[in-house]
Amino acid sequence: MNTSNSARWITGFGWLNIIIAATATGLTLVAPIWLGTVKPGVFFTLALQLVVSAGLVFVGQQLKAGTDLGHKVYPASLVAYGLFLLMAARWLAS
């Protein structure tokens, strides 16, 4: 897979995650009353997802431009996304 093609996939995946987080935030705002006690945790998790997803979009753009920054930040963004998934799974399990 060449750099341009992988950059397009990374950017698309980042935008997909941003759309999912924005939709989930909207749904959480109109959630039933029983969700009231865990809303701060939901909002923190969704905000974290937005930050990590914005990082993925940035990495995709930098890879497409062919900069060294894109190649250096790409592994870090994957690790950040993995950590986000682990934190979300831990929060959902509790």
PDB file of N, CA and C in Angstrom:
ATOM      1  N   MET A   1       0.861  -1.176   0.000  1.00  0.00           N
ATOM      2  CA  MET A   1       0.000   0.000   0.000  1.00  0.00           C
ATOM      3  C   MET A   1       0.903   1.233   0.000  1.00  0.00           C
ATOM      4  N   ASN A   2       0.715   2.105  -0.972  1.00  0.00           N
ATOM      5  CA  ASN A   2       1.574   3.291  -1.045  1.00  0.00           C
ATOM      6  C   ASN A   2       1.148   4.342  -0.026  1.00  0.00           C
ATOM      7  N   THR A   3       1.982   5.364   0.113  1.00  0.00           N
ATOM      8  CA  THR A   3       1.759   6.383   1.144  1.00  0.00           C
ATOM      9  C   THR A   3       0.482   7.163   0.905  1.00  0.00           C
ATOM     10  N   SER A   4       0.203   7.506  -0.353  1.00  0.00           N
ATOM     11  CA  SER A   4      -0.991   8.294  -0.658  1.00  0.00           C
ATOM     12  C   SER A   4      -2.263   7.521  -0.326  1.00  0.00           C
ATOM     13  N   ASN A   5      -2.258   6.235  -0.642  1.00  0.00           N
ATOM     14  CA  ASN A   5      -3.421   5.400  -0.354  1.00  0.00           C
ATOM     15  C   ASN A   5      -3.603   5.207   1.147  1.00  0.00           C
ATOM     16  N   SER A   6      -2.524   4.985   1.870  1.00  0.00           N
ATOM     17  CA  SER A   6      -2.638   4.812   3.322  1.00  0.00           C
ATOM     18  C   SER A   6      -3.022   6.123   3.995  1.00  0.00           C
ATOM     19  N   ALA A   7      -2.546   7.246   3.458  1.00  0.00           N
ATOM     20  CA  ALA A   7      -2.932   8.545   4.016  1.00  0.00           C
ATOM     21  C   ALA A   7      -4.430   8.771   3.866  1.00  0.00           C
ATOM     22  N   ARG A   8      -4.982   8.353   2.745  1.00  0.00           N
ATOM     23  CA  ARG A   8      -6.420   8.495   2.526  1.00  0.00           C
ATOM     24  C   ARG A   8      -7.207   7.631   3.507  1.00  0.00           C
ATOM     25  N   TRP A   9      -6.744   6.419   3.775  1.00  0.00           N
ATOM     26  CA  TRP A   9      -7.421   5.537   4.733  1.00  0.00           C
ATOM     27  C   TRP A   9      -7.339   6.102   6.147  1.00  0.00           C
ATOM     28  N   ILE A  10      -6.177   6.609   6.520  1.00  0.00           N
ATOM     29  CA  ILE A  10      -6.003   7.161   7.866  1.00  0.00           C
ATOM     30  C   ILE A  10      -6.893   8.380   8.064  1.00  0.00           C
ATOM     31  N   THR A  11      -6.901   9.275   7.073  1.00  0.00           N
ATOM     32  CA  THR A  11      -7.742  10.469   7.164  1.00  0.00           C
ATOM     33  C   THR A  11      -9.217  10.088   7.226  1.00  0.00           C
ATOM     34  N   GLY A  12      -9.630   9.148   6.394  1.00  0.00           N
ATOM     35  CA  GLY A  12     -11.025   8.691   6.403  1.00  0.00           C
ATOM     36  C   GLY A  12     -11.419   8.064   7.728  1.00  0.00           C
ATOM     37  N   PHE A  13     -10.514   7.267   8.295  1.00  0.00           N
ATOM     38  CA  PHE A  13     -10.789   6.640   9.585  1.00  0.00           C
ATOM     39  C   PHE A  13     -10.897   7.685  10.688  1.00  0.00           C
ATOM     40  N   GLY A  14     -10.045   8.709  10.616  1.00  0.00           N
ATOM     41  CA  GLY A  14     -10.117   9.796  11.590  1.00  0.00           C
ATOM     42  C   GLY A  14     -11.435  10.548  11.487  1.00  0.00           C
ATOM     43  N   TRP A  15     -11.861  10.872  10.264  1.00  0.00           N
ATOM     44  CA  TRP A  15     -13.143  11.573  10.085  1.00  0.00           C
ATOM     45  C   TRP A  15     -14.316  10.708  10.523  1.00  0.00           C
ATOM     46  N   LEU A  16     -14.255   9.411  10.256  1.00  0.00           N
ATOM     47  CA  LEU A  16     -15.317   8.510  10.692  1.00  0.00           C
ATOM     48  C   LEU A  16     -15.437   8.521  12.218  1.00  0.00           C
ATOM     49  N   ASN A  17     -14.303   8.497  12.900  1.00  0.00           N
ATOM     50  CA  ASN A  17     -14.315   8.546  14.364  1.00  0.00           C
ATOM     51  C   ASN A  17     -14.839   9.877  14.883  1.00  0.00           C
ATOM     52  N   ILE A  18     -14.523  10.974  14.199  1.00  0.00           N
ATOM     53  CA  ILE A  18     -15.044  12.278  14.603  1.00  0.00           C
ATOM     54  C   ILE A  18     -16.561  12.306  14.460  1.00  0.00           C
ATOM     55  N   ILE A  19     -17.081  11.759  13.375  1.00  0.00           N
ATOM     56  CA  ILE A  19     -18.529  11.709  13.157  1.00  0.00           C
ATOM     57  C   ILE A  19     -19.207  10.855  14.222  1.00  0.00           C
ATOM     58  N   ILE A  20     -18.603   9.704  14.544  1.00  0.00           N
ATOM     59  CA  ILE A  20     -19.173   8.825  15.569  1.00  0.00           C
ATOM     60  C   ILE A  20     -19.175   9.524  16.934  1.00  0.00           C
ATOM     61  N   ALA A  21     -18.085  10.186  17.278  1.00  0.00           N
ATOM     62  CA  ALA A  21     -18.002  10.866  18.573  1.00  0.00           C
ATOM     63  C   ALA A  21     -19.000  12.019  18.650  1.00  0.00           C
ATOM     64  N   ALA A  22     -19.150  12.764  17.563  1.00  0.00           N
ATOM     65  CA  ALA A  22     -20.105  13.878  17.555  1.00  0.00           C
ATOM     66  C   ALA A  22     -21.538  13.361  17.680  1.00  0.00           C
ATOM     67  N   THR A  23     -21.845  12.281  16.995  1.00  0.00           N
ATOM     68  CA  THR A  23     -23.179  11.689  17.087  1.00  0.00           C
ATOM     69  C   THR A  23     -23.444  11.154  18.495  1.00  0.00           C
ATOM     70  N   ALA A  24     -22.463  10.480  19.065  1.00  0.00           N
ATOM     71  CA  ALA A  24     -22.625   9.950  20.420  1.00  0.00           C
ATOM     72  C   ALA A  24     -22.765  11.078  21.441  1.00  0.00           C
ATOM     73  N   THR A  25     -22.068  12.183  21.219  1.00  0.00           N
ATOM     74  CA  THR A  25     -22.209  13.334  22.120  1.00  0.00           C
ATOM     75  C   THR A  25     -23.620  13.885  22.049  1.00  0.00           C
ATOM     76  N   GLY A  26     -24.147  14.011  20.842  1.00  0.00           N
ATOM     77  CA  GLY A  26     -25.526  14.484  20.681  1.00  0.00           C
ATOM     78  C   GLY A  26     -26.531  13.550  21.338  1.00  0.00           C
ATOM     79  N   LEU A  27     -26.323  12.253  21.189  1.00  0.00           N
ATOM     80  CA  LEU A  27     -27.226  11.288  21.817  1.00  0.00           C
ATOM     81  C   LEU A  27     -27.117  11.319  23.334  1.00  0.00           C
ATOM     82  N   THR A  28     -25.915  11.560  23.845  1.00  0.00           N
ATOM     83  CA  THR A  28     -25.729  11.630  25.292  1.00  0.00           C
ATOM     84  C   THR A  28     -26.423  12.861  25.876  1.00  0.00           C
ATOM     85  N   LEU A  29     -26.447  13.947  25.120  1.00  0.00           N
ATOM     86  CA  LEU A  29     -27.111  15.158  25.604  1.00  0.00           C
ATOM     87  C   LEU A  29     -28.614  14.963  25.790  1.00  0.00           C
ATOM     88  N   VAL A  30     -29.223  14.084  24.983  1.00  0.00           N
ATOM     89  CA  VAL A  30     -30.664  13.833  25.088  1.00  0.00           C
ATOM     90  C   VAL A  30     -30.957  12.482  25.719  1.00  0.00           C
ATOM     91  N   ALA A  31     -29.953  11.929  26.426  1.00  0.00           N
ATOM     92  CA  ALA A  31     -30.091  10.601  27.030  1.00  0.00           C
ATOM     93  C   ALA A  31     -31.101  10.632  28.161  1.00  0.00           C
ATOM     94  N   PRO A  32     -31.650   9.485  28.479  1.00  0.00           N
ATOM     95  CA  PRO A  32     -32.596   9.396  29.595  1.00  0.00           C
ATOM     96  C   PRO A  32     -31.950   9.787  30.925  1.00  0.00           C
ATOM     97  N   ILE A  33     -32.766   9.988  31.902  1.00  0.00           N
ATOM     98  CA  ILE A  33     -32.326  10.458  33.221  1.00  0.00           C
ATOM     99  C   ILE A  33     -31.380   9.460  33.904  1.00  0.00           C
ATOM    100  N   TRP A  34     -31.499   8.169  33.627  1.00  0.00           N
ATOM    101  CA  TRP A  34     -30.651   7.189  34.299  1.00  0.00           C
ATOM    102  C   TRP A  34     -29.199   7.302  33.888  1.00  0.00           C
ATOM    103  N   LEU A  35     -28.923   7.997  32.806  1.00  0.00           N
ATOM    104  CA  LEU A  35     -27.547   8.178  32.378  1.00  0.00           C
ATOM    105  C   LEU A  35     -26.908   9.377  33.073  1.00  0.00           C
ATOM    106  N   GLY A  36     -27.672  10.092  33.887  1.00  0.00           N
ATOM    107  CA  GLY A  36     -27.221  11.329  34.518  1.00  0.00           C
ATOM    108  C   GLY A  36     -25.973  11.197  35.364  1.00  0.00           C
ATOM    109  N   THR A  37     -25.777  10.079  36.042  1.00  0.00           N
ATOM    110  CA  THR A  37     -24.633   9.958  36.941  1.00  0.00           C
ATOM    111  C   THR A  37     -23.333   9.638  36.216  1.00  0.00           C
ATOM    112  N   VAL A  38     -23.402   9.139  35.010  1.00  0.00           N
ATOM    113  CA  VAL A  38     -22.183   8.776  34.287  1.00  0.00           C
ATOM    114  C   VAL A  38     -21.889   9.715  33.123  1.00  0.00           C
ATOM    115  N   LYS A  39     -22.675  10.759  32.965  1.00  0.00           N
ATOM    116  CA  LYS A  39     -22.459  11.673  31.841  1.00  0.00           C
ATOM    117  C   LYS A  39     -21.071  12.298  31.815  1.00  0.00           C
ATOM    118  N   PRO A  40     -20.498  12.709  32.949  1.00  0.00           N
ATOM    119  CA  PRO A  40     -19.138  13.278  32.867  1.00  0.00           C
ATOM    120  C   PRO A  40     -18.120  12.297  32.288  1.00  0.00           C
ATOM    121  N   GLY A  41     -18.225  11.039  32.646  1.00  0.00           N
ATOM    122  CA  GLY A  41     -17.317  10.035  32.095  1.00  0.00           C
ATOM    123  C   GLY A  41     -17.520   9.822  30.613  1.00  0.00           C
ATOM    124  N   VAL A  42     -18.774   9.852  30.187  1.00  0.00           N
ATOM    125  CA  VAL A  42     -19.074   9.703  28.760  1.00  0.00           C
ATOM    126  C   VAL A  42     -18.494  10.880  27.991  1.00  0.00           C
ATOM    127  N   PHE A  43     -18.706  12.083  28.498  1.00  0.00           N
ATOM    128  CA  PHE A  43     -18.201  13.261  27.803  1.00  0.00           C
ATOM    129  C   PHE A  43     -16.674  13.280  27.750  1.00  0.00           C
ATOM    130  N   PHE A  44     -16.025  12.857  28.828  1.00  0.00           N
ATOM    131  CA  PHE A  44     -14.562  12.799  28.812  1.00  0.00           C
ATOM    132  C   PHE A  44     -14.075  11.795  27.778  1.00  0.00           C
ATOM    133  N   THR A  45     -14.683  10.621  27.735  1.00  0.00           N
ATOM    134  CA  THR A  45     -14.286   9.592  26.785  1.00  0.00           C
ATOM    135  C   THR A  45     -14.505  10.058  25.352  1.00  0.00           C
ATOM    136  N   LEU A  46     -15.629  10.715  25.089  1.00  0.00           N
ATOM    137  CA  LEU A  46     -15.897  11.211  23.741  1.00  0.00           C
ATOM    138  C   LEU A  46     -14.958  12.354  23.361  1.00  0.00           C
ATOM    139  N   ALA A  47     -14.624  13.210  24.330  1.00  0.00           N
ATOM    140  CA  ALA A  47     -13.660  14.277  24.053  1.00  0.00           C
ATOM    141  C   ALA A  47     -12.293  13.689  23.728  1.00  0.00           C
ATOM    142  N   LEU A  48     -11.912  12.654  24.449  1.00  0.00           N
ATOM    143  CA  LEU A  48     -10.648  11.982  24.173  1.00  0.00           C
ATOM    144  C   LEU A  48     -10.666  11.361  22.782  1.00  0.00           C
ATOM    145  N   GLN A  49     -11.796  10.780  22.405  1.00  0.00           N
ATOM    146  CA  GLN A  49     -11.919  10.207  21.066  1.00  0.00           C
ATOM    147  C   GLN A  49     -11.796  11.297  19.999  1.00  0.00           C
ATOM    148  N   LEU A  50     -12.370  12.455  20.244  1.00  0.00           N
ATOM    149  CA  LEU A  50     -12.258  13.558  19.284  1.00  0.00           C
ATOM    150  C   LEU A  50     -10.815  14.017  19.125  1.00  0.00           C
ATOM    151  N   VAL A  51     -10.078  14.110  20.216  1.00  0.00           N
ATOM    152  CA  VAL A  51      -8.684  14.546  20.147  1.00  0.00           C
ATOM    153  C   VAL A  51      -7.831  13.529  19.380  1.00  0.00           C
ATOM    154  N   VAL A  52      -7.997  12.264  19.696  1.00  0.00           N
ATOM    155  CA  VAL A  52      -7.227  11.219  19.020  1.00  0.00           C
ATOM    156  C   VAL A  52      -7.602  11.158  17.537  1.00  0.00           C
ATOM    157  N   SER A  53      -8.879  11.314  17.228  1.00  0.00           N
ATOM    158  CA  SER A  53      -9.319  11.274  15.835  1.00  0.00           C
ATOM    159  C   SER A  53      -8.797  12.471  15.048  1.00  0.00           C
ATOM    160  N   ALA A  54      -8.772  13.639  15.692  1.00  0.00           N
ATOM    161  CA  ALA A  54      -8.202  14.816  15.027  1.00  0.00           C
ATOM    162  C   ALA A  54      -6.715  14.588  14.753  1.00  0.00           C
ATOM    163  N   GLY A  55      -6.040  13.906  15.655  1.00  0.00           N
ATOM    164  CA  GLY A  55      -4.645  13.549  15.428  1.00  0.00           C
ATOM    165  C   GLY A  55      -4.482  12.631  14.226  1.00  0.00           C
ATOM    166  N   LEU A  56      -5.391  11.677  14.069  1.00  0.00           N
ATOM    167  CA  LEU A  56      -5.337  10.785  12.911  1.00  0.00           C
ATOM    168  C   LEU A  56      -5.552  11.554  11.611  1.00  0.00           C
ATOM    169  N   VAL A  57      -6.470  12.496  11.616  1.00  0.00           N
ATOM    170  CA  VAL A  57      -6.704  13.308  10.414  1.00  0.00           C
ATOM    171  C   VAL A  57      -5.444  14.118  10.083  1.00  0.00           C
ATOM    172  N   PHE A  58      -4.822  14.697  11.111  1.00  0.00           N
ATOM    173  CA  PHE A  58      -3.582  15.452  10.917  1.00  0.00           C
ATOM    174  C   PHE A  58      -2.484  14.571  10.341  1.00  0.00           C
ATOM    175  N   VAL A  59      -2.338  13.366  10.882  1.00  0.00           N
ATOM    176  CA  VAL A  59      -1.315  12.442  10.391  1.00  0.00           C
ATOM    177  C   VAL A  59      -1.572  12.092   8.931  1.00  0.00           C
ATOM    178  N   GLY A  60      -2.834  11.838   8.583  1.00  0.00           N
ATOM    179  CA  GLY A  60      -3.156  11.532   7.197  1.00  0.00           C
ATOM    180  C   GLY A  60      -2.800  12.665   6.260  1.00  0.00           C
ATOM    181  N   GLN A  61      -3.066  13.884   6.667  1.00  0.00           N
ATOM    182  CA  GLN A  61      -2.716  15.041   5.835  1.00  0.00           C
ATOM    183  C   GLN A  61      -1.208  15.211   5.709  1.00  0.00           C
ATOM    184  N   GLN A  62      -0.494  14.971   6.797  1.00  0.00           N
ATOM    185  CA  GLN A  62       0.961  15.093   6.752  1.00  0.00           C
ATOM    186  C   GLN A  62       1.587  13.979   5.905  1.00  0.00           C
ATOM    187  N   LEU A  63       1.034  12.777   5.970  1.00  0.00           N
ATOM    188  CA  LEU A  63       1.530  11.693   5.119  1.00  0.00           C
ATOM    189  C   LEU A  63       1.272  11.995   3.655  1.00  0.00           C
ATOM    190  N   LYS A  64       0.113  12.548   3.373  1.00  0.00           N
ATOM    191  CA  LYS A  64      -0.217  12.901   1.995  1.00  0.00           C
ATOM    192  C   LYS A  64       0.732  13.972   1.463  1.00  0.00           C
ATOM    193  N   ALA A  65       1.124  14.899   2.339  1.00  0.00           N
ATOM    194  CA  ALA A  65       2.062  15.949   1.938  1.00  0.00           C
ATOM    195  C   ALA A  65       3.496  15.423   1.845  1.00  0.00           C
ATOM    196  N   GLY A  66       3.739  14.259   2.399  1.00  0.00           N
ATOM    197  CA  GLY A  66       5.064  13.649   2.326  1.00  0.00           C
ATOM    198  C   GLY A  66       6.068  14.220   3.308  1.00  0.00           C
ATOM    199  N   THR A  67       5.606  14.812   4.379  1.00  0.00           N
ATOM    200  CA  THR A  67       6.524  15.396   5.357  1.00  0.00           C
ATOM    201  C   THR A  67       7.081  14.321   6.290  1.00  0.00           C
ATOM    202  N   ASP A  68       8.223  14.640   6.878  1.00  0.00           N
ATOM    203  CA  ASP A  68       8.818  13.728   7.859  1.00  0.00           C
ATOM    204  C   ASP A  68       7.958  13.644   9.107  1.00  0.00           C
ATOM    205  N   LEU A  69       7.285  14.737   9.438  1.00  0.00           N
ATOM    206  CA  LEU A  69       6.429  14.756  10.625  1.00  0.00           C
ATOM    207  C   LEU A  69       5.347  13.684  10.540  1.00  0.00           C
ATOM    208  N   GLY A  70       4.758  13.515   9.366  1.00  0.00           N
ATOM    209  CA  GLY A  70       3.725  12.499   9.185  1.00  0.00           C
ATOM    210  C   GLY A  70       4.238  11.100   9.467  1.00  0.00           C
ATOM    211  N   HIS A  71       5.456  10.818   8.995  1.00  0.00           N
ATOM    212  CA  HIS A  71       6.021   9.488   9.218  1.00  0.00           C
ATOM    213  C   HIS A  71       6.430   9.273  10.658  1.00  0.00           C
ATOM    214  N   LYS A  72       6.800  10.341  11.363  1.00  0.00           N
ATOM    215  CA  LYS A  72       7.210  10.205  12.754  1.00  0.00           C
ATOM    216  C   LYS A  72       6.024  10.146  13.703  1.00  0.00           C
ATOM    217  N   VAL A  73       4.941  10.833  13.365  1.00  0.00           N
ATOM    218  CA  VAL A  73       3.782  10.902  14.248  1.00  0.00           C
ATOM    219  C   VAL A  73       2.829   9.729  14.026  1.00  0.00           C
ATOM    220  N   TYR A  74       2.912   9.067  12.887  1.00  0.00           N
ATOM    221  CA  TYR A  74       2.001   7.964  12.568  1.00  0.00           C
ATOM    222  C   TYR A  74       2.023   6.861  13.631  1.00  0.00           C
ATOM    223  N   PRO A  75       3.188   6.335  14.037  1.00  0.00           N
ATOM    224  CA  PRO A  75       3.167   5.295  15.082  1.00  0.00           C
ATOM    225  C   PRO A  75       2.597   5.803  16.405  1.00  0.00           C
ATOM    226  N   ALA A  76       2.903   7.051  16.743  1.00  0.00           N
ATOM    227  CA  ALA A  76       2.391   7.614  17.992  1.00  0.00           C
ATOM    228  C   ALA A  76       0.874   7.738  17.957  1.00  0.00           C
ATOM    229  N   SER A  77       0.321   8.077  16.803  1.00  0.00           N
ATOM    230  CA  SER A  77      -1.138   8.195  16.707  1.00  0.00           C
ATOM    231  C   SER A  77      -1.807   6.825  16.830  1.00  0.00           C
ATOM    232  N   LEU A  78      -1.172   5.797  16.300  1.00  0.00           N
ATOM    233  CA  LEU A  78      -1.727   4.448  16.449  1.00  0.00           C
ATOM    234  C   LEU A  78      -1.692   3.994  17.913  1.00  0.00           C
ATOM    235  N   VAL A  79      -0.617   4.315  18.607  1.00  0.00           N
ATOM    236  CA  VAL A  79      -0.521   3.977  20.028  1.00  0.00           C
ATOM    237  C   VAL A  79      -1.561   4.760  20.821  1.00  0.00           C
ATOM    238  N   ALA A  80      -1.745   6.036  20.475  1.00  0.00           N
ATOM    239  CA  ALA A  80      -2.754   6.855  21.167  1.00  0.00           C
ATOM    240  C   ALA A  80      -4.148   6.290  20.950  1.00  0.00           C
ATOM    241  N   TYR A  81      -4.438   5.821  19.745  1.00  0.00           N
ATOM    242  CA  TYR A  81      -5.753   5.242  19.479  1.00  0.00           C
ATOM    243  C   TYR A  81      -5.916   3.936  20.258  1.00  0.00           C
ATOM    244  N   GLY A  82      -4.869   3.142  20.315  1.00  0.00           N
ATOM    245  CA  GLY A  82      -4.933   1.912  21.099  1.00  0.00           C
ATOM    246  C   GLY A  82      -5.160   2.182  22.573  1.00  0.00           C
ATOM    247  N   LEU A  83      -4.464   3.187  23.114  1.00  0.00           N
ATOM    248  CA  LEU A  83      -4.675   3.551  24.514  1.00  0.00           C
ATOM    249  C   LEU A  83      -6.083   4.067  24.748  1.00  0.00           C
ATOM    250  N   PHE A  84      -6.603   4.835  23.788  1.00  0.00           N
ATOM    251  CA  PHE A  84      -7.984   5.297  23.907  1.00  0.00           C
ATOM    252  C   PHE A  84      -8.940   4.110  23.976  1.00  0.00           C
ATOM    253  N   LEU A  85      -8.746   3.116  23.114  1.00  0.00           N
ATOM    254  CA  LEU A  85      -9.621   1.945  23.130  1.00  0.00           C
ATOM    255  C   LEU A  85      -9.540   1.210  24.465  1.00  0.00           C
ATOM    256  N   LEU A  86      -8.332   1.083  25.013  1.00  0.00           N
ATOM    257  CA  LEU A  86      -8.175   0.417  26.301  1.00  0.00           C
ATOM    258  C   LEU A  86      -8.847   1.209  27.420  1.00  0.00           C
ATOM    259  N   MET A  87      -8.715   2.532  27.398  1.00  0.00           N
ATOM    260  CA  MET A  87      -9.356   3.358  28.423  1.00  0.00           C
ATOM    261  C   MET A  87     -10.865   3.287  28.317  1.00  0.00           C
ATOM    262  N   ALA A  88     -11.381   3.303  27.088  1.00  0.00           N
ATOM    263  CA  ALA A  88     -12.835   3.218  26.893  1.00  0.00           C
ATOM    264  C   ALA A  88     -13.359   1.859  27.345  1.00  0.00           C
ATOM    265  N   ALA A  89     -12.623   0.806  27.032  1.00  0.00           N
ATOM    266  CA  ALA A  89     -13.042  -0.539  27.461  1.00  0.00           C
ATOM    267  C   ALA A  89     -13.027  -0.647  28.984  1.00  0.00           C
ATOM    268  N   ARG A  90     -12.021  -0.087  29.616  1.00  0.00           N
ATOM    269  CA  ARG A  90     -11.931  -0.112  31.077  1.00  0.00           C
ATOM    270  C   ARG A  90     -13.082   0.668  31.698  1.00  0.00           C
ATOM    271  N   TRP A  91     -13.402   1.832  31.115  1.00  0.00           N
ATOM    272  CA  TRP A  91     -14.494   2.660  31.643  1.00  0.00           C
ATOM    273  C   TRP A  91     -15.841   1.950  31.459  1.00  0.00           C
ATOM    274  N   LEU A  92     -16.034   1.306  30.306  1.00  0.00           N
ATOM    275  CA  LEU A  92     -17.288   0.588  30.060  1.00  0.00           C
ATOM    276  C   LEU A  92     -17.434  -0.629  30.966  1.00  0.00           C
ATOM    277  N   ALA A  93     -16.310  -1.262  31.331  1.00  0.00           N
ATOM    278  CA  ALA A  93     -16.357  -2.455  32.178  1.00  0.00           C
ATOM    279  C   ALA A  93     -16.678  -2.119  33.633  1.00  0.00           C
ATOM    280  N   SER A  94     -16.441  -0.904  34.043  1.00  0.00           N
ATOM    281  CA  SER A  94     -16.660  -0.553  35.459  1.00  0.00           C
ATOM    282  C   SER A  94     -18.078  -0.099  35.702  1.00  0.00           C
TER     283      SER A  94
END
